[in-house]
Amino acid sequence: MTLFYQTHSWGSQPQPDQQTIEFWSHLADKSNWRIVELSNGYYQTEYLHPFIEDRWNDVTRRESIESAERAIDASVDHYVKKIDFLKGPKVVKTFEK
């Protein structure tokens, strides 16, 4: 059995404002991230705040530098996808008549 769901068009979905898009773009750039070692031996990932000068915001804590960098890479990938999604839906497959 095939079920049909009513969906809304791309244009009817709420779109993020320009400041949100700039924030996502900032987070999608790995050069805006850093890893710091804490006094307990853990590593903390931080991003440079895009709108407040010289302010670093902590995000996660990890046991190793490698896992902290993987966390940053995952965050960067996440925001790259969000920005890419703003371009609209992608055709993933078409069918011949």
N, C-alpha and C. Protein backbone atom coordinates (compact mmCIF):
# COMPACT_ATOMS: atom_id res chain seq x y z
N MET A 1 0.84 -1.17 0.00
CA MET A 1 0.00 0.00 0.00
C MET A 1 0.90 1.24 0.00
N THR A 2 0.54 2.21 -0.79
CA THR A 2 1.27 3.46 -0.87
C THR A 2 0.51 4.53 -0.10
N LEU A 3 1.21 5.21 0.76
CA LEU A 3 0.61 6.31 1.50
C LEU A 3 1.14 7.62 0.95
N PHE A 4 0.26 8.56 0.77
CA PHE A 4 0.66 9.88 0.30
C PHE A 4 0.54 10.86 1.46
N TYR A 5 1.61 11.60 1.66
CA TYR A 5 1.63 12.57 2.73
C TYR A 5 1.60 13.96 2.12
N GLN A 6 0.83 14.82 2.73
CA GLN A 6 0.80 16.21 2.27
C GLN A 6 2.02 16.92 2.84
N THR A 7 2.78 17.50 1.97
CA THR A 7 3.96 18.25 2.40
C THR A 7 3.81 19.70 2.00
N HIS A 8 4.64 20.51 2.56
CA HIS A 8 4.63 21.94 2.23
C HIS A 8 5.77 22.22 1.27
N SER A 9 5.57 23.20 0.43
CA SER A 9 6.61 23.55 -0.52
C SER A 9 7.79 24.19 0.21
N TRP A 10 8.92 24.19 -0.47
CA TRP A 10 10.14 24.75 0.09
C TRP A 10 9.94 26.19 0.53
N GLY A 11 9.24 26.97 -0.28
CA GLY A 11 9.05 28.39 0.01
C GLY A 11 8.19 28.66 1.22
N SER A 12 7.37 27.71 1.62
CA SER A 12 6.49 27.94 2.77
C SER A 12 7.17 27.60 4.10
N GLN A 13 8.36 27.02 4.04
CA GLN A 13 9.08 26.68 5.27
C GLN A 13 9.73 27.94 5.84
N PRO A 14 9.79 28.05 7.16
CA PRO A 14 10.46 29.22 7.74
C PRO A 14 11.94 29.20 7.38
N GLN A 15 12.45 30.32 6.96
CA GLN A 15 13.84 30.45 6.55
C GLN A 15 14.62 31.18 7.64
N PRO A 16 15.86 30.77 7.86
CA PRO A 16 16.67 31.46 8.88
C PRO A 16 17.01 32.88 8.44
N ASP A 17 17.16 33.76 9.43
CA ASP A 17 17.51 35.14 9.10
C ASP A 17 18.98 35.25 8.74
N GLN A 18 19.39 36.40 8.25
CA GLN A 18 20.76 36.61 7.77
C GLN A 18 21.80 36.41 8.87
N GLN A 19 21.49 36.83 10.08
CA GLN A 19 22.45 36.67 11.18
C GLN A 19 22.68 35.18 11.48
N THR A 20 21.63 34.39 11.42
CA THR A 20 21.76 32.94 11.63
C THR A 20 22.62 32.31 10.54
N ILE A 21 22.40 32.72 9.30
CA ILE A 21 23.19 32.19 8.18
C ILE A 21 24.66 32.57 8.35
N GLU A 22 24.94 33.80 8.76
CA GLU A 22 26.32 34.23 9.00
C GLU A 22 26.95 33.42 10.14
N PHE A 23 26.17 33.13 11.18
CA PHE A 23 26.65 32.33 12.30
C PHE A 23 27.00 30.92 11.84
N TRP A 24 26.13 30.30 11.08
CA TRP A 24 26.38 28.96 10.54
C TRP A 24 27.61 28.95 9.65
N SER A 25 27.75 29.97 8.81
CA SER A 25 28.91 30.05 7.93
C SER A 25 30.20 30.17 8.74
N HIS A 26 30.13 30.93 9.81
CA HIS A 26 31.29 31.09 10.70
C HIS A 26 31.67 29.75 11.32
N LEU A 27 30.68 28.99 11.77
CA LEU A 27 30.94 27.70 12.40
C LEU A 27 31.37 26.64 11.39
N ALA A 28 31.04 26.84 10.13
CA ALA A 28 31.43 25.89 9.09
C ALA A 28 32.89 26.05 8.68
N ASP A 29 33.55 27.08 9.17
CA ASP A 29 34.96 27.32 8.88
C ASP A 29 35.81 26.80 10.04
N LYS A 30 36.58 25.76 9.80
CA LYS A 30 37.35 25.11 10.87
C LYS A 30 38.37 26.05 11.51
N SER A 31 38.79 27.08 10.79
CA SER A 31 39.77 28.01 11.37
C SER A 31 39.19 28.84 12.52
N ASN A 32 37.88 28.80 12.71
CA ASN A 32 37.24 29.51 13.82
C ASN A 32 37.07 28.62 15.05
N TRP A 33 37.72 27.47 15.06
CA TRP A 33 37.65 26.53 16.16
C TRP A 33 39.04 26.34 16.78
N ARG A 34 39.05 25.90 18.03
CA ARG A 34 40.31 25.56 18.67
C ARG A 34 40.06 24.48 19.73
N ILE A 35 41.15 23.86 20.17
CA ILE A 35 41.11 22.87 21.23
C ILE A 35 42.02 23.36 22.34
N VAL A 36 41.52 23.36 23.56
CA VAL A 36 42.33 23.76 24.71
C VAL A 36 42.40 22.60 25.70
N GLU A 37 43.53 22.48 26.38
CA GLU A 37 43.67 21.44 27.40
C GLU A 37 43.24 22.01 28.74
N LEU A 38 42.38 21.28 29.43
CA LEU A 38 41.88 21.72 30.73
C LEU A 38 42.78 21.18 31.84
N SER A 39 42.63 21.72 33.03
CA SER A 39 43.48 21.31 34.16
C SER A 39 43.26 19.86 34.58
N ASN A 40 42.11 19.28 34.23
CA ASN A 40 41.84 17.88 34.58
C ASN A 40 42.34 16.90 33.51
N GLY A 41 43.03 17.41 32.49
CA GLY A 41 43.59 16.56 31.46
C GLY A 41 42.68 16.33 30.27
N TYR A 42 41.44 16.81 30.34
CA TYR A 42 40.53 16.71 29.21
C TYR A 42 40.80 17.84 28.22
N TYR A 43 40.22 17.70 27.04
CA TYR A 43 40.37 18.71 25.99
C TYR A 43 39.01 19.30 25.68
N GLN A 44 38.98 20.59 25.52
CA GLN A 44 37.73 21.30 25.27
C GLN A 44 37.76 21.92 23.89
N THR A 45 36.67 21.73 23.14
CA THR A 45 36.55 22.38 21.84
C THR A 45 35.83 23.71 22.04
N GLU A 46 36.29 24.71 21.32
CA GLU A 46 35.72 26.06 21.43
C GLU A 46 35.66 26.69 20.04
N TYR A 47 34.67 27.56 19.85
CA TYR A 47 34.62 28.34 18.62
C TYR A 47 34.70 29.82 18.97
N LEU A 48 35.27 30.57 18.08
CA LEU A 48 35.38 32.02 18.24
C LEU A 48 34.03 32.63 17.92
N HIS A 49 33.50 33.42 18.85
CA HIS A 49 32.19 34.04 18.64
C HIS A 49 32.27 35.02 17.47
N PRO A 50 31.36 34.92 16.52
CA PRO A 50 31.47 35.77 15.33
C PRO A 50 31.08 37.23 15.56
N PHE A 51 30.32 37.51 16.60
CA PHE A 51 29.81 38.87 16.78
C PHE A 51 30.38 39.58 18.01
N ILE A 52 31.14 38.84 18.83
CA ILE A 52 31.76 39.43 20.02
C ILE A 52 33.27 39.18 19.91
N GLU A 53 34.03 40.23 19.81
CA GLU A 53 35.46 40.11 19.59
C GLU A 53 36.17 39.40 20.74
N ASP A 54 37.08 38.50 20.39
CA ASP A 54 37.92 37.76 21.35
C ASP A 54 37.14 36.95 22.37
N ARG A 55 35.96 36.46 22.00
CA ARG A 55 35.19 35.60 22.91
C ARG A 55 35.12 34.19 22.33
N TRP A 56 35.61 33.24 23.11
CA TRP A 56 35.57 31.84 22.72
C TRP A 56 34.47 31.14 23.52
N ASN A 57 33.63 30.38 22.84
CA ASN A 57 32.54 29.65 23.48
C ASN A 57 32.89 28.16 23.52
N ASP A 58 32.78 27.56 24.70
CA ASP A 58 33.07 26.14 24.82
C ASP A 58 31.89 25.33 24.27
N VAL A 59 32.24 24.18 23.69
CA VAL A 59 31.22 23.34 23.08
C VAL A 59 31.22 21.94 23.70
N THR A 60 32.33 21.23 23.62
CA THR A 60 32.38 19.87 24.16
C THR A 60 33.69 19.63 24.88
N ARG A 61 33.71 18.58 25.68
CA ARG A 61 34.94 18.13 26.33
C ARG A 61 35.19 16.69 25.92
N ARG A 62 36.44 16.38 25.61
CA ARG A 62 36.80 15.04 25.16
C ARG A 62 38.06 14.58 25.90
N GLU A 63 38.29 13.27 25.88
CA GLU A 63 39.43 12.70 26.59
C GLU A 63 40.74 12.81 25.81
N SER A 64 40.66 12.99 24.49
CA SER A 64 41.90 13.06 23.70
C SER A 64 41.78 14.18 22.66
N ILE A 65 42.94 14.61 22.19
CA ILE A 65 42.96 15.63 21.15
C ILE A 65 42.29 15.10 19.89
N GLU A 66 42.53 13.83 19.59
CA GLU A 66 41.96 13.23 18.37
C GLU A 66 40.43 13.24 18.41
N SER A 67 39.86 12.86 19.56
CA SER A 67 38.40 12.85 19.65
C SER A 67 37.84 14.27 19.66
N ALA A 68 38.59 15.22 20.21
CA ALA A 68 38.15 16.62 20.17
C ALA A 68 38.15 17.13 18.74
N GLU A 69 39.19 16.77 17.98
CA GLU A 69 39.22 17.21 16.58
C GLU A 69 38.11 16.55 15.77
N ARG A 70 37.81 15.28 16.05
CA ARG A 70 36.69 14.62 15.37
C ARG A 70 35.38 15.32 15.68
N ALA A 71 35.22 15.78 16.92
CA ALA A 71 34.01 16.52 17.30
C ALA A 71 33.91 17.83 16.52
N ILE A 72 35.03 18.51 16.36
CA ILE A 72 35.04 19.75 15.57
C ILE A 72 34.70 19.44 14.12
N ASP A 73 35.32 18.40 13.56
CA ASP A 73 35.04 18.03 12.17
C ASP A 73 33.57 17.71 11.97
N ALA A 74 32.96 17.01 12.94
CA ALA A 74 31.54 16.69 12.84
C ALA A 74 30.69 17.96 12.90
N SER A 75 31.07 18.91 13.75
CA SER A 75 30.34 20.17 13.83
C SER A 75 30.45 20.96 12.53
N VAL A 76 31.67 21.02 12.00
CA VAL A 76 31.88 21.73 10.73
C VAL A 76 31.04 21.09 9.63
N ASP A 77 31.05 19.76 9.54
CA ASP A 77 30.24 19.06 8.54
C ASP A 77 28.75 19.36 8.71
N HIS A 78 28.30 19.39 9.96
CA HIS A 78 26.90 19.69 10.25
C HIS A 78 26.50 21.06 9.71
N TYR A 79 27.32 22.07 9.98
CA TYR A 79 26.98 23.42 9.54
C TYR A 79 27.15 23.60 8.03
N VAL A 80 28.07 22.89 7.42
CA VAL A 80 28.20 22.92 5.96
C VAL A 80 26.92 22.37 5.33
N LYS A 81 26.39 21.30 5.90
CA LYS A 81 25.14 20.72 5.38
C LYS A 81 23.97 21.68 5.56
N LYS A 82 23.90 22.35 6.70
CA LYS A 82 22.82 23.31 6.94
C LYS A 82 22.87 24.44 5.91
N ILE A 83 24.07 24.93 5.64
CA ILE A 83 24.21 26.01 4.66
C ILE A 83 23.86 25.51 3.27
N ASP A 84 24.29 24.32 2.93
CA ASP A 84 23.98 23.73 1.63
C ASP A 84 22.48 23.54 1.47
N PHE A 85 21.80 23.18 2.54
CA PHE A 85 20.35 22.96 2.50
C PHE A 85 19.60 24.26 2.19
N LEU A 86 20.18 25.40 2.56
CA LEU A 86 19.52 26.68 2.30
C LEU A 86 19.35 26.96 0.81
N LYS A 87 20.12 26.27 -0.02
CA LYS A 87 20.03 26.45 -1.47
C LYS A 87 18.76 25.82 -2.04
N GLY A 88 18.06 25.06 -1.21
CA GLY A 88 16.82 24.44 -1.65
C GLY A 88 16.97 22.95 -1.82
N PRO A 89 15.85 22.29 -2.11
CA PRO A 89 15.88 20.84 -2.28
C PRO A 89 16.76 20.43 -3.45
N LYS A 90 17.36 19.26 -3.33
CA LYS A 90 18.20 18.72 -4.38
C LYS A 90 17.47 17.57 -5.07
N VAL A 91 17.58 17.51 -6.37
CA VAL A 91 17.06 16.37 -7.10
C VAL A 91 18.08 15.24 -6.93
N VAL A 92 17.63 14.12 -6.39
CA VAL A 92 18.55 13.01 -6.16
C VAL A 92 18.36 11.90 -7.18
N LYS A 93 17.21 11.91 -7.86
CA LYS A 93 16.99 10.91 -8.89
C LYS A 93 15.82 11.35 -9.77
N THR A 94 15.97 11.13 -11.07
CA THR A 94 14.87 11.38 -12.00
C THR A 94 14.58 10.08 -12.76
N PHE A 95 13.40 9.99 -13.31
CA PHE A 95 12.97 8.78 -14.01
C PHE A 95 12.63 9.09 -15.44
N GLU A 96 12.97 8.19 -16.31
CA GLU A 96 12.68 8.33 -17.74
C GLU A 96 11.22 8.04 -17.99
N LYS A 97 10.67 8.68 -19.04
CA LYS A 97 9.28 8.43 -19.42
C LYS A 97 9.19 7.19 -20.25
